[in-house]
Amino acid sequence: LDHLSTRLVRGWTHLERQKGGIGLR
């Protein structure tokens, strides 16, 4: 896990929940 923690990459953009908009702020 220690080794893996440095190797997480942003490969899940379809699940991102930091978009703006009504009801999503």
PDB file of all heavy atoms in Angstrom:
ATOM      1  N   LEU A   1       0.823  -1.203   0.000  1.00  0.00           N
ATOM      2  CA  LEU A   1       0.000   0.000   0.000  1.00  0.00           C
ATOM      3  C   LEU A   1       0.861   1.258   0.000  1.00  0.00           C
ATOM      4  O   LEU A   1       0.544   2.247  -0.657  1.00  0.00           O
ATOM      5  CB  LEU A   1      -0.936   0.002   1.215  1.00  0.00           C
ATOM      6  CG  LEU A   1      -2.039  -1.061   1.211  1.00  0.00           C
ATOM      7  CD1 LEU A   1      -2.849  -0.999   2.491  1.00  0.00           C
ATOM      8  CD2 LEU A   1      -2.966  -0.903   0.019  1.00  0.00           C
ATOM      9  N   ASP A   2       1.938   1.196   0.742  1.00  0.00           N
ATOM     10  CA  ASP A   2       2.874   2.314   0.770  1.00  0.00           C
ATOM     11  C   ASP A   2       3.442   2.562  -0.627  1.00  0.00           C
ATOM     12  O   ASP A   2       3.572   3.701  -1.078  1.00  0.00           O
ATOM     13  CB  ASP A   2       3.986   2.011   1.777  1.00  0.00           C
ATOM     14  CG  ASP A   2       4.875   3.211   2.024  1.00  0.00           C
ATOM     15  OD1 ASP A   2       4.363   4.335   1.979  1.00  0.00           O
ATOM     16  OD2 ASP A   2       6.081   3.037   2.261  1.00  0.00           O
ATOM     17  N   HIS A   3       3.790   1.468  -1.299  1.00  0.00           N
ATOM     18  CA  HIS A   3       4.318   1.545  -2.663  1.00  0.00           C
ATOM     19  C   HIS A   3       3.243   2.043  -3.631  1.00  0.00           C
ATOM     20  O   HIS A   3       3.503   2.875  -4.501  1.00  0.00           O
ATOM     21  CB  HIS A   3       4.811   0.162  -3.084  1.00  0.00           C
ATOM     22  CG  HIS A   3       5.473   0.104  -4.423  1.00  0.00           C
ATOM     23  ND1 HIS A   3       6.695   0.687  -4.679  1.00  0.00           N
ATOM     24  CD2 HIS A   3       5.081  -0.463  -5.596  1.00  0.00           C
ATOM     25  CE1 HIS A   3       7.029   0.471  -5.943  1.00  0.00           C
ATOM     26  NE2 HIS A   3       6.066  -0.212  -6.519  1.00  0.00           N
ATOM     27  N   LEU A   4       2.021   1.553  -3.459  1.00  0.00           N
ATOM     28  CA  LEU A   4       0.920   1.887  -4.359  1.00  0.00           C
ATOM     29  C   LEU A   4       0.472   3.331  -4.203  1.00  0.00           C
ATOM     30  O   LEU A   4       0.039   3.957  -5.166  1.00  0.00           O
ATOM     31  CB  LEU A   4      -0.252   0.937  -4.094  1.00  0.00           C
ATOM     32  CG  LEU A   4      -1.487   1.068  -4.986  1.00  0.00           C
ATOM     33  CD1 LEU A   4      -1.123   0.750  -6.430  1.00  0.00           C
ATOM     34  CD2 LEU A   4      -2.588   0.135  -4.507  1.00  0.00           C
ATOM     35  N   SER A   5       0.574   3.864  -2.993  1.00  0.00           N
ATOM     36  CA  SER A   5       0.058   5.203  -2.711  1.00  0.00           C
ATOM     37  C   SER A   5       0.705   6.273  -3.585  1.00  0.00           C
ATOM     38  O   SER A   5       0.093   7.300  -3.864  1.00  0.00           O
ATOM     39  CB  SER A   5       0.247   5.550  -1.233  1.00  0.00           C
ATOM     40  OG  SER A   5       1.633   5.584  -0.912  1.00  0.00           O
ATOM     41  N   THR A   6       1.928   6.033  -4.018  1.00  0.00           N
ATOM     42  CA  THR A   6       2.617   7.010  -4.872  1.00  0.00           C
ATOM     43  C   THR A   6       2.314   6.779  -6.345  1.00  0.00           C
ATOM     44  O   THR A   6       2.793   7.529  -7.196  1.00  0.00           O
ATOM     45  CB  THR A   6       4.137   6.932  -4.660  1.00  0.00           C
ATOM     46  OG1 THR A   6       4.597   5.622  -4.998  1.00  0.00           O
ATOM     47  CG2 THR A   6       4.496   7.244  -3.217  1.00  0.00           C
ATOM     48  N   ARG A   7       1.554   5.739  -6.639  1.00  0.00           N
ATOM     49  CA  ARG A   7       1.301   5.372  -8.032  1.00  0.00           C
ATOM     50  C   ARG A   7      -0.146   5.502  -8.434  1.00  0.00           C
ATOM     51  O   ARG A   7      -0.550   4.994  -9.470  1.00  0.00           O
ATOM     52  CB  ARG A   7       1.813   3.940  -8.283  1.00  0.00           C
ATOM     53  CG  ARG A   7       3.330   3.916  -8.434  1.00  0.00           C
ATOM     54  CD  ARG A   7       3.938   2.572  -8.158  1.00  0.00           C
ATOM     55  NE  ARG A   7       5.336   2.573  -8.590  1.00  0.00           N
ATOM     56  CZ  ARG A   7       6.332   3.125  -7.916  1.00  0.00           C
ATOM     57  NH1 ARG A   7       6.083   3.723  -6.767  1.00  0.00           N
ATOM     58  NH2 ARG A   7       7.569   3.082  -8.366  1.00  0.00           N
ATOM     59  N   LEU A   8      -0.972   6.136  -7.593  1.00  0.00           N
ATOM     60  CA  LEU A   8      -2.346   6.410  -7.972  1.00  0.00           C
ATOM     61  C   LEU A   8      -2.379   7.512  -9.021  1.00  0.00           C
ATOM     62  O   LEU A   8      -1.755   8.552  -8.863  1.00  0.00           O
ATOM     63  CB  LEU A   8      -3.162   6.844  -6.750  1.00  0.00           C
ATOM     64  CG  LEU A   8      -3.462   5.768  -5.708  1.00  0.00           C
ATOM     65  CD1 LEU A   8      -4.189   6.375  -4.538  1.00  0.00           C
ATOM     66  CD2 LEU A   8      -4.278   4.644  -6.308  1.00  0.00           C
ATOM     67  N   VAL A   9      -3.089   7.278 -10.080  1.00  0.00           N
ATOM     68  CA  VAL A   9      -3.166   8.266 -11.152  1.00  0.00           C
ATOM     69  C   VAL A   9      -4.611   8.671 -11.373  1.00  0.00           C
ATOM     70  O   VAL A   9      -5.551   7.948 -11.028  1.00  0.00           O
ATOM     71  CB  VAL A   9      -2.565   7.721 -12.466  1.00  0.00           C
ATOM     72  CG1 VAL A   9      -1.089   7.497 -12.314  1.00  0.00           C
ATOM     73  CG2 VAL A   9      -3.264   6.438 -12.899  1.00  0.00           C
ATOM     74  N   ARG A  10      -4.795   9.831 -11.996  1.00  0.00           N
ATOM     75  CA  ARG A  10      -6.129  10.340 -12.251  1.00  0.00           C
ATOM     76  C   ARG A  10      -6.733   9.626 -13.459  1.00  0.00           C
ATOM     77  O   ARG A  10      -6.679  10.075 -14.586  1.00  0.00           O
ATOM     78  CB  ARG A  10      -6.061  11.853 -12.494  1.00  0.00           C
ATOM     79  CG  ARG A  10      -7.399  12.533 -12.444  1.00  0.00           C
ATOM     80  CD  ARG A  10      -7.212  14.042 -12.609  1.00  0.00           C
ATOM     81  NE  ARG A  10      -6.462  14.635 -11.546  1.00  0.00           N
ATOM     82  CZ  ARG A  10      -6.992  15.038 -10.394  1.00  0.00           C
ATOM     83  NH1 ARG A  10      -8.281  14.893 -10.177  1.00  0.00           N
ATOM     84  NH2 ARG A  10      -6.231  15.564  -9.458  1.00  0.00           N
ATOM     85  N   GLY A  11      -7.308   8.481 -13.204  1.00  0.00           N
ATOM     86  CA  GLY A  11      -7.897   7.721 -14.288  1.00  0.00           C
ATOM     87  C   GLY A  11      -9.395   7.550 -14.164  1.00  0.00           C
ATOM     88  O   GLY A  11      -9.990   6.722 -14.838  1.00  0.00           O
ATOM     89  N   TRP A  12     -10.034   8.313 -13.304  1.00  0.00           N
ATOM     90  CA  TRP A  12     -11.445   8.126 -12.992  1.00  0.00           C
ATOM     91  C   TRP A  12     -12.229   9.414 -13.241  1.00  0.00           C
ATOM     92  O   TRP A  12     -13.183   9.724 -12.524  1.00  0.00           O
ATOM     93  CB  TRP A  12     -11.611   7.722 -11.527  1.00  0.00           C
ATOM     94  CG  TRP A  12     -10.939   6.447 -11.169  1.00  0.00           C
ATOM     95  CD1 TRP A  12      -9.620   6.274 -10.896  1.00  0.00           C
ATOM     96  CD2 TRP A  12     -11.541   5.161 -11.021  1.00  0.00           C
ATOM     97  NE1 TRP A  12      -9.354   4.970 -10.596  1.00  0.00           N
ATOM     98  CE2 TRP A  12     -10.513   4.259 -10.656  1.00  0.00           C
ATOM     99  CE3 TRP A  12     -12.841   4.669 -11.159  1.00  0.00           C
ATOM    100  CZ2 TRP A  12     -10.736   2.916 -10.429  1.00  0.00           C
ATOM    101  CZ3 TRP A  12     -13.074   3.328 -10.933  1.00  0.00           C
ATOM    102  CH2 TRP A  12     -12.031   2.468 -10.585  1.00  0.00           C
ATOM    103  N   THR A  13     -11.896  10.167 -14.224  1.00  0.00           N
ATOM    104  CA  THR A  13     -12.504  11.484 -14.422  1.00  0.00           C
ATOM    105  C   THR A  13     -14.009  11.396 -14.662  1.00  0.00           C
ATOM    106  O   THR A  13     -14.737  12.355 -14.400  1.00  0.00           O
ATOM    107  CB  THR A  13     -11.856  12.208 -15.611  1.00  0.00           C
ATOM    108  OG1 THR A  13     -11.866  11.347 -16.747  1.00  0.00           O
ATOM    109  CG2 THR A  13     -10.422  12.591 -15.274  1.00  0.00           C
ATOM    110  N   HIS A  14     -14.476  10.251 -15.148  1.00  0.00           N
ATOM    111  CA  HIS A  14     -15.918  10.121 -15.370  1.00  0.00           C
ATOM    112  C   HIS A  14     -16.699  10.078 -14.064  1.00  0.00           C
ATOM    113  O   HIS A  14     -17.918  10.229 -14.059  1.00  0.00           O
ATOM    114  CB  HIS A  14     -16.211   8.858 -16.197  1.00  0.00           C
ATOM    115  CG  HIS A  14     -15.854   7.571 -15.516  1.00  0.00           C
ATOM    116  ND1 HIS A  14     -14.554   7.217 -15.284  1.00  0.00           N
ATOM    117  CD2 HIS A  14     -16.626   6.577 -14.995  1.00  0.00           C
ATOM    118  CE1 HIS A  14     -14.534   6.040 -14.675  1.00  0.00           C
ATOM    119  NE2 HIS A  14     -15.766   5.638 -14.477  1.00  0.00           N
ATOM    120  N   LEU A  15     -16.006   9.841 -12.968  1.00  0.00           N
ATOM    121  CA  LEU A  15     -16.657   9.798 -11.666  1.00  0.00           C
ATOM    122  C   LEU A  15     -16.406  11.062 -10.852  1.00  0.00           C
ATOM    123  O   LEU A  15     -16.754  11.119  -9.677  1.00  0.00           O
ATOM    124  CB  LEU A  15     -16.177   8.575 -10.871  1.00  0.00           C
ATOM    125  CG  LEU A  15     -16.546   7.207 -11.432  1.00  0.00           C
ATOM    126  CD1 LEU A  15     -15.889   6.119 -10.617  1.00  0.00           C
ATOM    127  CD2 LEU A  15     -18.057   7.021 -11.439  1.00  0.00           C
ATOM    128  N   GLU A  16     -15.785  12.059 -11.479  1.00  0.00           N
ATOM    129  CA  GLU A  16     -15.433  13.250 -10.738  1.00  0.00           C
ATOM    130  C   GLU A  16     -16.675  13.973 -10.266  1.00  0.00           C
ATOM    131  O   GLU A  16     -17.664  14.133 -11.003  1.00  0.00           O
ATOM    132  CB  GLU A  16     -14.583  14.159 -11.625  1.00  0.00           C
ATOM    133  CG  GLU A  16     -13.887  15.266 -10.867  1.00  0.00           C
ATOM    134  CD  GLU A  16     -12.834  15.952 -11.728  1.00  0.00           C
ATOM    135  OE1 GLU A  16     -12.009  15.256 -12.312  1.00  0.00           O
ATOM    136  OE2 GLU A  16     -12.878  17.163 -11.811  1.00  0.00           O
ATOM    137  N   ARG A  17     -16.666  14.452  -9.018  1.00  0.00           N
ATOM    138  CA  ARG A  17     -17.837  15.101  -8.437  1.00  0.00           C
ATOM    139  C   ARG A  17     -17.522  16.508  -7.974  1.00  0.00           C
ATOM    140  O   ARG A  17     -18.136  17.005  -7.047  1.00  0.00           O
ATOM    141  CB  ARG A  17     -18.373  14.269  -7.267  1.00  0.00           C
ATOM    142  CG  ARG A  17     -18.956  12.937  -7.717  1.00  0.00           C
ATOM    143  CD  ARG A  17     -19.712  12.250  -6.614  1.00  0.00           C
ATOM    144  NE  ARG A  17     -18.792  11.678  -5.635  1.00  0.00           N
ATOM    145  CZ  ARG A  17     -18.672  12.087  -4.394  1.00  0.00           C
ATOM    146  NH1 ARG A  17     -19.343  13.126  -3.967  1.00  0.00           N
ATOM    147  NH2 ARG A  17     -17.839  11.489  -3.550  1.00  0.00           N
ATOM    148  N   GLN A  18     -16.555  17.156  -8.636  1.00  0.00           N
ATOM    149  CA  GLN A  18     -16.232  18.522  -8.259  1.00  0.00           C
ATOM    150  C   GLN A  18     -16.673  19.535  -9.315  1.00  0.00           C
ATOM    151  O   GLN A  18     -16.131  20.598  -9.433  1.00  0.00           O
ATOM    152  CB  GLN A  18     -14.730  18.651  -7.998  1.00  0.00           C
ATOM    153  CG  GLN A  18     -14.302  17.998  -6.698  1.00  0.00           C
ATOM    154  CD  GLN A  18     -12.867  18.279  -6.359  1.00  0.00           C
ATOM    155  OE1 GLN A  18     -12.054  18.525  -7.238  1.00  0.00           O
ATOM    156  NE2 GLN A  18     -12.535  18.234  -5.083  1.00  0.00           N
ATOM    157  N   LYS A  19     -17.656  19.174 -10.116  1.00  0.00           N
ATOM    158  CA  LYS A  19     -18.177  20.077 -11.131  1.00  0.00           C
ATOM    159  C   LYS A  19     -19.108  21.091 -10.485  1.00  0.00           C
ATOM    160  O   LYS A  19     -19.714  20.822  -9.455  1.00  0.00           O
ATOM    161  CB  LYS A  19     -18.923  19.286 -12.199  1.00  0.00           C
ATOM    162  CG  LYS A  19     -18.126  18.123 -12.810  1.00  0.00           C
ATOM    163  CD  LYS A  19     -17.611  18.475 -14.113  1.00  0.00           C
ATOM    164  CE  LYS A  19     -17.078  17.325 -14.917  1.00  0.00           C
ATOM    165  NZ  LYS A  19     -15.976  16.759 -14.666  1.00  0.00           N
ATOM    166  N   GLY A  20     -19.257  22.212 -11.093  1.00  0.00           N
ATOM    167  CA  GLY A  20     -20.201  23.204 -10.618  1.00  0.00           C
ATOM    168  C   GLY A  20     -21.598  22.937 -11.152  1.00  0.00           C
ATOM    169  O   GLY A  20     -21.874  21.922 -11.769  1.00  0.00           O
ATOM    170  N   GLY A  21     -22.530  23.854 -10.872  1.00  0.00           N
ATOM    171  CA  GLY A  21     -23.878  23.705 -11.384  1.00  0.00           C
ATOM    172  C   GLY A  21     -24.897  23.584 -10.281  1.00  0.00           C
ATOM    173  O   GLY A  21     -24.576  23.298  -9.130  1.00  0.00           O
ATOM    174  N   ILE A  22     -26.151  23.799 -10.651  1.00  0.00           N
ATOM    175  CA  ILE A  22     -27.238  23.746  -9.673  1.00  0.00           C
ATOM    176  C   ILE A  22     -27.353  22.353  -9.087  1.00  0.00           C
ATOM    177  O   ILE A  22     -27.462  21.369  -9.815  1.00  0.00           O
ATOM    178  CB  ILE A  22     -28.569  24.190 -10.332  1.00  0.00           C
ATOM    179  CG1 ILE A  22     -28.478  25.645 -10.782  1.00  0.00           C
ATOM    180  CG2 ILE A  22     -29.741  24.028  -9.350  1.00  0.00           C
ATOM    181  CD1 ILE A  22     -29.642  26.104 -11.614  1.00  0.00           C
ATOM    182  N   GLY A  23     -27.370  22.325  -7.779  1.00  0.00           N
ATOM    183  CA  GLY A  23     -27.507  21.041  -7.087  1.00  0.00           C
ATOM    184  C   GLY A  23     -26.223  20.258  -6.960  1.00  0.00           C
ATOM    185  O   GLY A  23     -26.196  19.198  -6.339  1.00  0.00           O
ATOM    186  N   LEU A  24     -25.152  20.760  -7.603  1.00  0.00           N
ATOM    187  CA  LEU A  24     -23.883  20.032  -7.582  1.00  0.00           C
ATOM    188  C   LEU A  24     -22.775  20.832  -6.899  1.00  0.00           C
ATOM    189  O   LEU A  24     -21.657  20.353  -6.795  1.00  0.00           O
ATOM    190  CB  LEU A  24     -23.433  19.691  -9.010  1.00  0.00           C
ATOM    191  CG  LEU A  24     -24.321  18.709  -9.768  1.00  0.00           C
ATOM    192  CD1 LEU A  24     -23.852  18.569 -11.206  1.00  0.00           C
ATOM    193  CD2 LEU A  24     -24.314  17.340  -9.087  1.00  0.00           C
ATOM    194  N   ARG A  25     -23.097  22.048  -6.474  1.00  0.00           N
ATOM    195  CA  ARG A  25     -22.083  22.862  -5.812  1.00  0.00           C
ATOM    196  C   ARG A  25     -21.825  22.326  -4.411  1.00  0.00           C
ATOM    197  O   ARG A  25     -22.658  21.656  -3.822  1.00  0.00           O
ATOM    198  CB  ARG A  25     -22.520  24.323  -5.743  1.00  0.00           C
ATOM    199  CG  ARG A  25     -22.606  25.001  -7.099  1.00  0.00           C
ATOM    200  CD  ARG A  25     -22.888  26.485  -6.934  1.00  0.00           C
ATOM    201  NE  ARG A  25     -23.020  27.139  -8.244  1.00  0.00           N
ATOM    202  CZ  ARG A  25     -24.151  27.300  -8.895  1.00  0.00           C
ATOM    203  NH1 ARG A  25     -25.270  26.861  -8.343  1.00  0.00           N
ATOM    204  NH2 ARG A  25     -24.174  27.888 -10.084  1.00  0.00           N
TER     205      ARG A  25
END
